[in-house]
Amino acid sequence: SRHQDAADGPGVARGWAAHFAGERWSVVSGGAFGIDAAAHRGVLAAGGVTICVLAGGVDMPYPRAHDALIARIADEGLVISESPPGESVRRQRFLSRNRVIAAVSRATVVIEAAARSGTIATARAAGAMNRPVLAVPGPVTSPASTGCHRMIRDGDAILVESAQDVLDLLDLTSGRHDTGAFP
Protein backbone atom coordinates (compact mmCIF):
# COMPACT_ATOMS: atom_id res chain seq x y z
CA SER A 1 0.00 0.00 0.00
CA ARG A 2 1.20 3.52 -0.75
CA HIS A 3 0.24 4.53 2.77
CA GLN A 4 2.45 2.00 4.55
CA ASP A 5 5.09 3.57 6.80
CA ALA A 6 8.14 4.06 4.57
CA ALA A 7 10.42 3.32 7.52
CA ASP A 8 8.98 -0.20 7.75
CA GLY A 9 11.03 -1.96 5.09
CA PRO A 10 10.15 -5.47 6.28
CA GLY A 11 6.44 -4.52 6.32
CA VAL A 12 6.71 -3.19 2.78
CA ALA A 13 8.52 -6.37 1.66
CA ARG A 14 5.92 -8.61 3.32
CA GLY A 15 2.97 -6.69 1.87
CA TRP A 16 4.37 -6.33 -1.63
CA ALA A 17 5.45 -9.98 -1.76
CA ALA A 18 1.93 -11.05 -0.75
CA HIS A 19 0.53 -8.79 -3.48
CA PHE A 20 2.84 -10.36 -6.08
CA ALA A 21 1.81 -13.82 -4.88
CA GLY A 22 -1.82 -12.79 -5.29
CA GLU A 23 -1.03 -11.86 -8.90
CA ARG A 24 0.56 -15.32 -9.33
CA TRP A 25 4.16 -14.13 -9.45
CA SER A 26 6.93 -15.94 -7.62
CA VAL A 27 9.34 -14.04 -5.39
CA VAL A 28 13.05 -14.82 -5.14
CA SER A 29 15.19 -13.82 -2.18
CA GLY A 30 18.12 -15.03 -0.11
CA GLY A 31 16.60 -16.18 3.18
CA ALA A 32 18.53 -13.59 5.21
CA PHE A 33 17.27 -11.56 8.15
CA GLY A 34 15.14 -8.49 7.46
CA ILE A 35 13.80 -7.86 3.95
CA ASP A 36 14.59 -11.36 2.63
CA ALA A 37 12.72 -13.19 5.37
CA ALA A 38 9.84 -10.69 5.26
CA ALA A 39 9.41 -11.21 1.51
CA HIS A 40 9.47 -15.01 1.86
CA ARG A 41 6.94 -14.85 4.73
CA GLY A 42 4.64 -12.52 2.79
CA VAL A 43 4.48 -14.93 -0.13
CA LEU A 44 3.94 -17.96 2.11
CA ALA A 45 1.17 -16.19 4.03
CA ALA A 46 -0.56 -15.46 0.71
CA GLY A 47 -0.24 -19.07 -0.44
CA GLY A 48 2.18 -18.19 -3.23
CA VAL A 49 5.48 -19.58 -4.44
CA THR A 50 8.78 -18.27 -3.16
CA ILE A 51 12.31 -19.27 -4.10
CA CYS A 52 15.16 -19.08 -1.61
CA VAL A 53 18.70 -18.93 -2.99
CA LEU A 54 21.26 -20.05 -0.41
CA ALA A 55 24.96 -19.18 -0.20
CA GLY A 56 25.82 -22.70 0.99
CA GLY A 57 24.48 -26.09 0.00
CA VAL A 58 20.71 -26.57 0.08
CA ASP A 59 21.18 -28.87 3.07
CA MET A 60 23.04 -26.13 4.97
CA PRO A 61 20.42 -23.45 5.72
CA TYR A 62 21.82 -20.07 6.68
CA PRO A 63 21.17 -18.19 8.83
CA ARG A 64 20.57 -21.05 11.24
CA ALA A 65 17.84 -19.04 12.95
CA HIS A 66 15.84 -19.43 9.72
CA ASP A 67 15.98 -23.24 9.61
CA ALA A 68 12.19 -23.50 9.98
CA LEU A 69 11.50 -20.78 7.39
CA ILE A 70 13.86 -22.34 4.85
CA ALA A 71 12.38 -25.80 5.51
CA ARG A 72 8.89 -24.38 4.88
CA ILE A 73 10.09 -22.76 1.65
CA ALA A 74 11.55 -26.14 0.59
CA ASP A 75 8.15 -27.75 1.27
CA GLU A 76 5.99 -25.09 -0.39
CA GLY A 77 8.35 -23.41 -2.86
CA LEU A 78 11.92 -23.97 -3.92
CA VAL A 79 15.34 -23.77 -2.29
CA ILE A 80 18.31 -23.57 -4.67
CA SER A 81 22.04 -23.01 -4.48
CA GLU A 82 25.02 -22.86 -6.77
CA SER A 83 27.03 -24.62 -4.04
CA PRO A 84 26.96 -28.41 -3.80
CA PRO A 85 25.22 -30.14 -0.87
CA GLY A 86 27.30 -30.17 2.29
CA GLU A 87 29.11 -26.94 1.46
CA SER A 88 28.99 -24.39 4.24
CA VAL A 89 28.58 -20.66 3.78
CA ARG A 90 31.69 -18.68 2.89
CA ARG A 91 31.99 -14.96 2.39
CA GLN A 92 32.53 -15.09 -1.41
CA ARG A 93 29.48 -17.33 -1.85
CA PHE A 94 27.17 -14.47 -0.89
CA LEU A 95 28.22 -12.58 -4.03
CA SER A 96 27.59 -15.72 -6.04
CA ARG A 97 24.18 -16.10 -4.36
CA ASN A 98 23.31 -12.49 -5.22
CA ARG A 99 24.24 -13.09 -8.87
CA VAL A 100 22.00 -16.18 -8.95
CA ILE A 101 19.13 -14.21 -7.42
CA ALA A 102 19.47 -11.61 -10.19
CA ALA A 103 19.80 -14.27 -12.88
CA VAL A 104 16.65 -16.20 -12.01
CA SER A 105 14.55 -13.07 -11.53
CA ARG A 106 12.66 -11.11 -14.13
CA ALA A 107 13.30 -7.90 -12.15
CA THR A 108 14.99 -6.85 -8.92
CA VAL A 109 13.09 -4.76 -6.39
CA VAL A 110 15.28 -3.14 -3.74
CA ILE A 111 13.26 -2.27 -0.63
CA GLU A 112 16.22 -1.26 1.56
CA ALA A 113 19.94 -1.01 0.87
CA ALA A 114 22.71 0.47 2.92
CA ALA A 115 25.45 2.32 1.03
CA ARG A 116 27.54 -0.87 0.99
CA SER A 117 25.49 -4.04 1.02
CA GLY A 118 24.91 -7.32 -0.75
CA THR A 119 21.69 -5.83 -2.03
CA ILE A 120 23.69 -3.34 -4.10
CA ALA A 121 25.67 -6.27 -5.54
CA THR A 122 22.42 -8.00 -6.53
CA ALA A 123 21.14 -4.82 -8.19
CA ARG A 124 24.42 -4.38 -10.09
CA ALA A 125 24.30 -7.99 -11.26
CA ALA A 126 20.71 -7.51 -12.43
CA GLY A 127 21.66 -4.34 -14.28
CA ALA A 128 24.60 -6.10 -15.94
CA MET A 129 22.13 -8.75 -17.16
CA ASN A 130 19.84 -6.02 -18.55
CA ARG A 131 17.19 -6.87 -15.97
CA PRO A 132 15.10 -4.03 -14.56
CA VAL A 133 16.14 -2.70 -11.15
CA LEU A 134 13.47 -0.92 -9.11
CA ALA A 135 14.05 0.80 -5.77
CA VAL A 136 11.84 2.05 -2.97
CA PRO A 137 12.71 5.46 -1.54
CA GLY A 138 12.87 5.74 2.21
CA PRO A 139 13.53 8.34 4.87
CA VAL A 140 16.57 10.50 4.11
CA THR A 141 17.64 9.96 7.72
CA SER A 142 17.76 6.17 7.37
CA PRO A 143 21.05 4.43 6.51
CA ALA A 144 18.91 1.61 5.07
CA SER A 145 17.69 4.02 2.37
CA THR A 146 21.08 5.35 1.26
CA GLY A 147 21.68 2.69 -1.39
CA CYS A 148 18.16 2.99 -2.81
CA HIS A 149 18.44 6.76 -3.05
CA ARG A 150 21.86 6.55 -4.73
CA MET A 151 20.64 4.00 -7.30
CA ILE A 152 17.61 6.16 -8.12
CA ARG A 153 19.68 9.36 -8.28
CA ASP A 154 22.33 7.74 -10.52
CA GLY A 155 19.74 6.27 -12.87
CA ASP A 156 20.57 2.69 -11.89
CA ALA A 157 17.05 2.04 -10.56
CA ILE A 158 13.51 3.20 -11.20
CA LEU A 159 11.62 4.61 -8.22
CA VAL A 160 8.58 2.58 -7.18
CA GLU A 161 6.10 3.36 -4.42
CA SER A 162 3.80 0.35 -4.49
CA ALA A 163 3.60 -3.27 -5.56
CA GLN A 164 1.22 -2.18 -8.30
CA ASP A 165 3.87 0.30 -9.54
CA VAL A 166 6.20 -2.67 -10.02
CA LEU A 167 3.59 -4.67 -11.93
CA ASP A 168 2.60 -1.69 -14.06
CA LEU A 169 6.15 -0.59 -14.87
CA LEU A 170 7.14 -4.07 -15.91
CA ASP A 171 3.78 -4.86 -17.52
CA LEU A 172 3.50 -7.91 -15.28
CA THR A 173 -0.22 -7.92 -14.59
CA SER A 174 -0.71 -10.94 -16.79
CA GLY A 175 -1.37 -13.73 -14.30
CA ARG A 176 1.66 -15.72 -15.48
CA HIS A 177 3.99 -17.42 -13.03
CA ASP A 178 7.37 -15.74 -13.07
CA THR A 179 9.89 -14.38 -10.62
CA GLY A 180 10.93 -11.12 -9.05
CA ALA A 181 13.76 -10.70 -6.56
CA PHE A 182 13.73 -9.10 -3.14
CA PRO A 183 17.31 -8.85 -2.13
C-alpha atoms as a PDB file:
ATOM      1  CA  SER A   1       0.000   0.000   0.000  1.00  0.00           C
ATOM      2  CA  ARG A   2       1.205   3.521  -0.747  1.00  0.00           C
ATOM      3  CA  HIS A   3       0.243   4.530   2.768  1.00  0.00           C
ATOM      4  CA  GLN A   4       2.452   2.001   4.555  1.00  0.00           C
ATOM      5  CA  ASP A   5       5.088   3.572   6.796  1.00  0.00           C
ATOM      6  CA  ALA A   6       8.141   4.062   4.566  1.00  0.00           C
ATOM      7  CA  ALA A   7      10.416   3.318   7.524  1.00  0.00           C
ATOM      8  CA  ASP A   8       8.977  -0.196   7.753  1.00  0.00           C
ATOM      9  CA  GLY A   9      11.034  -1.958   5.087  1.00  0.00           C
ATOM     10  CA  PRO A  10      10.148  -5.472   6.279  1.00  0.00           C
ATOM     11  CA  GLY A  11       6.444  -4.521   6.320  1.00  0.00           C
ATOM     12  CA  VAL A  12       6.706  -3.189   2.775  1.00  0.00           C
ATOM     13  CA  ALA A  13       8.518  -6.366   1.659  1.00  0.00           C
ATOM     14  CA  ARG A  14       5.920  -8.607   3.322  1.00  0.00           C
ATOM     15  CA  GLY A  15       2.972  -6.692   1.874  1.00  0.00           C
ATOM     16  CA  TRP A  16       4.371  -6.327  -1.629  1.00  0.00           C
ATOM     17  CA  ALA A  17       5.450  -9.983  -1.756  1.00  0.00           C
ATOM     18  CA  ALA A  18       1.934 -11.047  -0.748  1.00  0.00           C
ATOM     19  CA  HIS A  19       0.526  -8.786  -3.477  1.00  0.00           C
ATOM     20  CA  PHE A  20       2.843 -10.358  -6.080  1.00  0.00           C
ATOM     21  CA  ALA A  21       1.811 -13.824  -4.879  1.00  0.00           C
ATOM     22  CA  GLY A  22      -1.823 -12.786  -5.290  1.00  0.00           C
ATOM     23  CA  GLU A  23      -1.028 -11.865  -8.897  1.00  0.00           C
ATOM     24  CA  ARG A  24       0.557 -15.324  -9.331  1.00  0.00           C
ATOM     25  CA  TRP A  25       4.162 -14.127  -9.454  1.00  0.00           C
ATOM     26  CA  SER A  26       6.931 -15.935  -7.621  1.00  0.00           C
ATOM     27  CA  VAL A  27       9.338 -14.037  -5.386  1.00  0.00           C
ATOM     28  CA  VAL A  28      13.046 -14.823  -5.142  1.00  0.00           C
ATOM     29  CA  SER A  29      15.189 -13.823  -2.184  1.00  0.00           C
ATOM     30  CA  GLY A  30      18.125 -15.031  -0.112  1.00  0.00           C
ATOM     31  CA  GLY A  31      16.599 -16.183   3.177  1.00  0.00           C
ATOM     32  CA  ALA A  32      18.525 -13.593   5.213  1.00  0.00           C
ATOM     33  CA  PHE A  33      17.267 -11.557   8.151  1.00  0.00           C
ATOM     34  CA  GLY A  34      15.139  -8.493   7.458  1.00  0.00           C
ATOM     35  CA  ILE A  35      13.801  -7.861   3.953  1.00  0.00           C
ATOM     36  CA  ASP A  36      14.586 -11.358   2.627  1.00  0.00           C
ATOM     37  CA  ALA A  37      12.717 -13.189   5.372  1.00  0.00           C
ATOM     38  CA  ALA A  38       9.839 -10.695   5.257  1.00  0.00           C
ATOM     39  CA  ALA A  39       9.407 -11.214   1.510  1.00  0.00           C
ATOM     40  CA  HIS A  40       9.465 -15.014   1.862  1.00  0.00           C
ATOM     41  CA  ARG A  41       6.945 -14.849   4.729  1.00  0.00           C
ATOM     42  CA  GLY A  42       4.640 -12.517   2.794  1.00  0.00           C
ATOM     43  CA  VAL A  43       4.480 -14.933  -0.130  1.00  0.00           C
ATOM     44  CA  LEU A  44       3.942 -17.959   2.112  1.00  0.00           C
ATOM     45  CA  ALA A  45       1.166 -16.193   4.028  1.00  0.00           C
ATOM     46  CA  ALA A  46      -0.565 -15.459   0.713  1.00  0.00           C
ATOM     47  CA  GLY A  47      -0.241 -19.066  -0.439  1.00  0.00           C
ATOM     48  CA  GLY A  48       2.184 -18.185  -3.225  1.00  0.00           C
ATOM     49  CA  VAL A  49       5.475 -19.581  -4.437  1.00  0.00           C
ATOM     50  CA  THR A  50       8.783 -18.272  -3.160  1.00  0.00           C
ATOM     51  CA  ILE A  51      12.308 -19.267  -4.101  1.00  0.00           C
ATOM     52  CA  CYS A  52      15.161 -19.078  -1.611  1.00  0.00           C
ATOM     53  CA  VAL A  53      18.698 -18.926  -2.988  1.00  0.00           C
ATOM     54  CA  LEU A  54      21.261 -20.047  -0.411  1.00  0.00           C
ATOM     55  CA  ALA A  55      24.958 -19.184  -0.195  1.00  0.00           C
ATOM     56  CA  GLY A  56      25.822 -22.705   0.991  1.00  0.00           C
ATOM     57  CA  GLY A  57      24.477 -26.091   0.004  1.00  0.00           C
ATOM     58  CA  VAL A  58      20.706 -26.573   0.075  1.00  0.00           C
ATOM     59  CA  ASP A  59      21.180 -28.874   3.067  1.00  0.00           C
ATOM     60  CA  MET A  60      23.038 -26.129   4.973  1.00  0.00           C
ATOM     61  CA  PRO A  61      20.421 -23.447   5.719  1.00  0.00           C
ATOM     62  CA  TYR A  62      21.821 -20.072   6.683  1.00  0.00           C
ATOM     63  CA  PRO A  63      21.174 -18.191   8.832  1.00  0.00           C
ATOM     64  CA  ARG A  64      20.569 -21.051  11.237  1.00  0.00           C
ATOM     65  CA  ALA A  65      17.838 -19.040  12.953  1.00  0.00           C
ATOM     66  CA  HIS A  66      15.839 -19.432   9.718  1.00  0.00           C
ATOM     67  CA  ASP A  67      15.983 -23.243   9.615  1.00  0.00           C
ATOM     68  CA  ALA A  68      12.190 -23.502   9.977  1.00  0.00           C
ATOM     69  CA  LEU A  69      11.500 -20.779   7.387  1.00  0.00           C
ATOM     70  CA  ILE A  70      13.858 -22.340   4.850  1.00  0.00           C
ATOM     71  CA  ALA A  71      12.378 -25.803   5.511  1.00  0.00           C
ATOM     72  CA  ARG A  72       8.894 -24.379   4.875  1.00  0.00           C
ATOM     73  CA  ILE A  73      10.094 -22.758   1.648  1.00  0.00           C
ATOM     74  CA  ALA A  74      11.552 -26.136   0.587  1.00  0.00           C
ATOM     75  CA  ASP A  75       8.153 -27.750   1.265  1.00  0.00           C
ATOM     76  CA  GLU A  76       5.991 -25.087  -0.393  1.00  0.00           C
ATOM     77  CA  GLY A  77       8.350 -23.411  -2.860  1.00  0.00           C
ATOM     78  CA  LEU A  78      11.915 -23.969  -3.921  1.00  0.00           C
ATOM     79  CA  VAL A  79      15.345 -23.765  -2.293  1.00  0.00           C
ATOM     80  CA  ILE A  80      18.307 -23.570  -4.667  1.00  0.00           C
ATOM     81  CA  SER A  81      22.043 -23.005  -4.476  1.00  0.00           C
ATOM     82  CA  GLU A  82      25.016 -22.863  -6.771  1.00  0.00           C
ATOM     83  CA  SER A  83      27.029 -24.625  -4.036  1.00  0.00           C
ATOM     84  CA  PRO A  84      26.958 -28.414  -3.796  1.00  0.00           C
ATOM     85  CA  PRO A  85      25.224 -30.137  -0.867  1.00  0.00           C
ATOM     86  CA  GLY A  86      27.303 -30.172   2.293  1.00  0.00           C
ATOM     87  CA  GLU A  87      29.113 -26.938   1.463  1.00  0.00           C
ATOM     88  CA  SER A  88      28.993 -24.386   4.245  1.00  0.00           C
ATOM     89  CA  VAL A  89      28.583 -20.660   3.779  1.00  0.00           C
ATOM     90  CA  ARG A  90      31.687 -18.683   2.889  1.00  0.00           C
ATOM     91  CA  ARG A  91      31.990 -14.961   2.386  1.00  0.00           C
ATOM     92  CA  GLN A  92      32.528 -15.093  -1.410  1.00  0.00           C
ATOM     93  CA  ARG A  93      29.485 -17.329  -1.849  1.00  0.00           C
ATOM     94  CA  PHE A  94      27.174 -14.468  -0.887  1.00  0.00           C
ATOM     95  CA  LEU A  95      28.220 -12.576  -4.027  1.00  0.00           C
ATOM     96  CA  SER A  96      27.591 -15.719  -6.038  1.00  0.00           C
ATOM     97  CA  ARG A  97      24.184 -16.101  -4.359  1.00  0.00           C
ATOM     98  CA  ASN A  98      23.314 -12.494  -5.221  1.00  0.00           C
ATOM     99  CA  ARG A  99      24.243 -13.093  -8.866  1.00  0.00           C
ATOM    100  CA  VAL A 100      22.001 -16.181  -8.952  1.00  0.00           C
ATOM    101  CA  ILE A 101      19.127 -14.208  -7.418  1.00  0.00           C
ATOM    102  CA  ALA A 102      19.475 -11.605 -10.185  1.00  0.00           C
ATOM    103  CA  ALA A 103      19.804 -14.267 -12.883  1.00  0.00           C
ATOM    104  CA  VAL A 104      16.653 -16.201 -12.007  1.00  0.00           C
ATOM    105  CA  SER A 105      14.550 -13.070 -11.529  1.00  0.00           C
ATOM    106  CA  ARG A 106      12.663 -11.113 -14.130  1.00  0.00           C
ATOM    107  CA  ALA A 107      13.299  -7.904 -12.150  1.00  0.00           C
ATOM    108  CA  THR A 108      14.986  -6.853  -8.921  1.00  0.00           C
ATOM    109  CA  VAL A 109      13.091  -4.757  -6.392  1.00  0.00           C
ATOM    110  CA  VAL A 110      15.280  -3.139  -3.739  1.00  0.00           C
ATOM    111  CA  ILE A 111      13.261  -2.273  -0.629  1.00  0.00           C
ATOM    112  CA  GLU A 112      16.217  -1.262   1.558  1.00  0.00           C
ATOM    113  CA  ALA A 113      19.943  -1.007   0.868  1.00  0.00           C
ATOM    114  CA  ALA A 114      22.714   0.472   2.917  1.00  0.00           C
ATOM    115  CA  ALA A 115      25.453   2.316   1.025  1.00  0.00           C
ATOM    116  CA  ARG A 116      27.544  -0.872   0.991  1.00  0.00           C
ATOM    117  CA  SER A 117      25.493  -4.038   1.017  1.00  0.00           C
ATOM    118  CA  GLY A 118      24.912  -7.317  -0.747  1.00  0.00           C
ATOM    119  CA  THR A 119      21.690  -5.826  -2.035  1.00  0.00           C
ATOM    120  CA  ILE A 120      23.685  -3.337  -4.101  1.00  0.00           C
ATOM    121  CA  ALA A 121      25.669  -6.275  -5.544  1.00  0.00           C
ATOM    122  CA  THR A 122      22.416  -7.997  -6.532  1.00  0.00           C
ATOM    123  CA  ALA A 123      21.145  -4.816  -8.186  1.00  0.00           C
ATOM    124  CA  ARG A 124      24.423  -4.382 -10.095  1.00  0.00           C
ATOM    125  CA  ALA A 125      24.296  -7.992 -11.257  1.00  0.00           C
ATOM    126  CA  ALA A 126      20.708  -7.506 -12.432  1.00  0.00           C
ATOM    127  CA  GLY A 127      21.664  -4.338 -14.284  1.00  0.00           C
ATOM    128  CA  ALA A 128      24.600  -6.105 -15.941  1.00  0.00           C
ATOM    129  CA  MET A 129      22.129  -8.754 -17.159  1.00  0.00           C
ATOM    130  CA  ASN A 130      19.844  -6.022 -18.546  1.00  0.00           C
ATOM    131  CA  ARG A 131      17.189  -6.871 -15.973  1.00  0.00           C
ATOM    132  CA  PRO A 132      15.104  -4.027 -14.555  1.00  0.00           C
ATOM    133  CA  VAL A 133      16.137  -2.701 -11.154  1.00  0.00           C
ATOM    134  CA  LEU A 134      13.474  -0.915  -9.108  1.00  0.00           C
ATOM    135  CA  ALA A 135      14.049   0.797  -5.774  1.00  0.00           C
ATOM    136  CA  VAL A 136      11.836   2.051  -2.967  1.00  0.00           C
ATOM    137  CA  PRO A 137      12.713   5.459  -1.540  1.00  0.00           C
ATOM    138  CA  GLY A 138      12.870   5.737   2.213  1.00  0.00           C
ATOM    139  CA  PRO A 139      13.527   8.337   4.872  1.00  0.00           C
ATOM    140  CA  VAL A 140      16.568  10.499   4.107  1.00  0.00           C
ATOM    141  CA  THR A 141      17.644   9.960   7.716  1.00  0.00           C
ATOM    142  CA  SER A 142      17.758   6.173   7.366  1.00  0.00           C
ATOM    143  CA  PRO A 143      21.051   4.435   6.512  1.00  0.00           C
ATOM    144  CA  ALA A 144      18.906   1.611   5.074  1.00  0.00           C
ATOM    145  CA  SER A 145      17.688   4.025   2.368  1.00  0.00           C
ATOM    146  CA  THR A 146      21.081   5.347   1.263  1.00  0.00           C
ATOM    147  CA  GLY A 147      21.681   2.693  -1.391  1.00  0.00           C
ATOM    148  CA  CYS A 148      18.161   2.990  -2.808  1.00  0.00           C
ATOM    149  CA  HIS A 149      18.445   6.757  -3.052  1.00  0.00           C
ATOM    150  CA  ARG A 150      21.856   6.554  -4.729  1.00  0.00           C
ATOM    151  CA  MET A 151      20.644   3.995  -7.301  1.00  0.00           C
ATOM    152  CA  ILE A 152      17.605   6.160  -8.115  1.00  0.00           C
ATOM    153  CA  ARG A 153      19.677   9.356  -8.280  1.00  0.00           C
ATOM    154  CA  ASP A 154      22.333   7.739 -10.518  1.00  0.00           C
ATOM    155  CA  GLY A 155      19.738   6.270 -12.873  1.00  0.00           C
ATOM    156  CA  ASP A 156      20.568   2.692 -11.895  1.00  0.00           C
ATOM    157  CA  ALA A 157      17.046   2.040 -10.560  1.00  0.00           C
ATOM    158  CA  ILE A 158      13.506   3.200 -11.204  1.00  0.00           C
ATOM    159  CA  LEU A 159      11.623   4.613  -8.217  1.00  0.00           C
ATOM    160  CA  VAL A 160       8.582   2.583  -7.176  1.00  0.00           C
ATOM    161  CA  GLU A 161       6.097   3.361  -4.419  1.00  0.00           C
ATOM    162  CA  SER A 162       3.804   0.350  -4.493  1.00  0.00           C
ATOM    163  CA  ALA A 163       3.602  -3.268  -5.565  1.00  0.00           C
ATOM    164  CA  GLN A 164       1.218  -2.176  -8.303  1.00  0.00           C
ATOM    165  CA  ASP A 165       3.866   0.301  -9.545  1.00  0.00           C
ATOM    166  CA  VAL A 166       6.199  -2.669 -10.025  1.00  0.00           C
ATOM    167  CA  LEU A 167       3.595  -4.673 -11.928  1.00  0.00           C
ATOM    168  CA  ASP A 168       2.600  -1.686 -14.055  1.00  0.00           C
ATOM    169  CA  LEU A 169       6.150  -0.587 -14.869  1.00  0.00           C
ATOM    170  CA  LEU A 170       7.140  -4.073 -15.912  1.00  0.00           C
ATOM    171  CA  ASP A 171       3.776  -4.862 -17.519  1.00  0.00           C
ATOM    172  CA  LEU A 172       3.503  -7.914 -15.279  1.00  0.00           C
ATOM    173  CA  THR A 173      -0.217  -7.915 -14.594  1.00  0.00           C
ATOM    174  CA  SER A 174      -0.712 -10.938 -16.786  1.00  0.00           C
ATOM    175  CA  GLY A 175      -1.371 -13.728 -14.296  1.00  0.00           C
ATOM    176  CA  ARG A 176       1.660 -15.721 -15.482  1.00  0.00           C
ATOM    177  CA  HIS A 177       3.991 -17.416 -13.031  1.00  0.00           C
ATOM    178  CA  ASP A 178       7.368 -15.739 -13.069  1.00  0.00           C
ATOM    179  CA  THR A 179       9.887 -14.378 -10.619  1.00  0.00           C
ATOM    180  CA  GLY A 180      10.932 -11.122  -9.048  1.00  0.00           C
ATOM    181  CA  ALA A 181      13.758 -10.703  -6.558  1.00  0.00           C
ATOM    182  CA  PHE A 182      13.727  -9.095  -3.143  1.00  0.00           C
ATOM    183  CA  PRO A 183      17.311  -8.846  -2.132  1.00  0.00           C
END
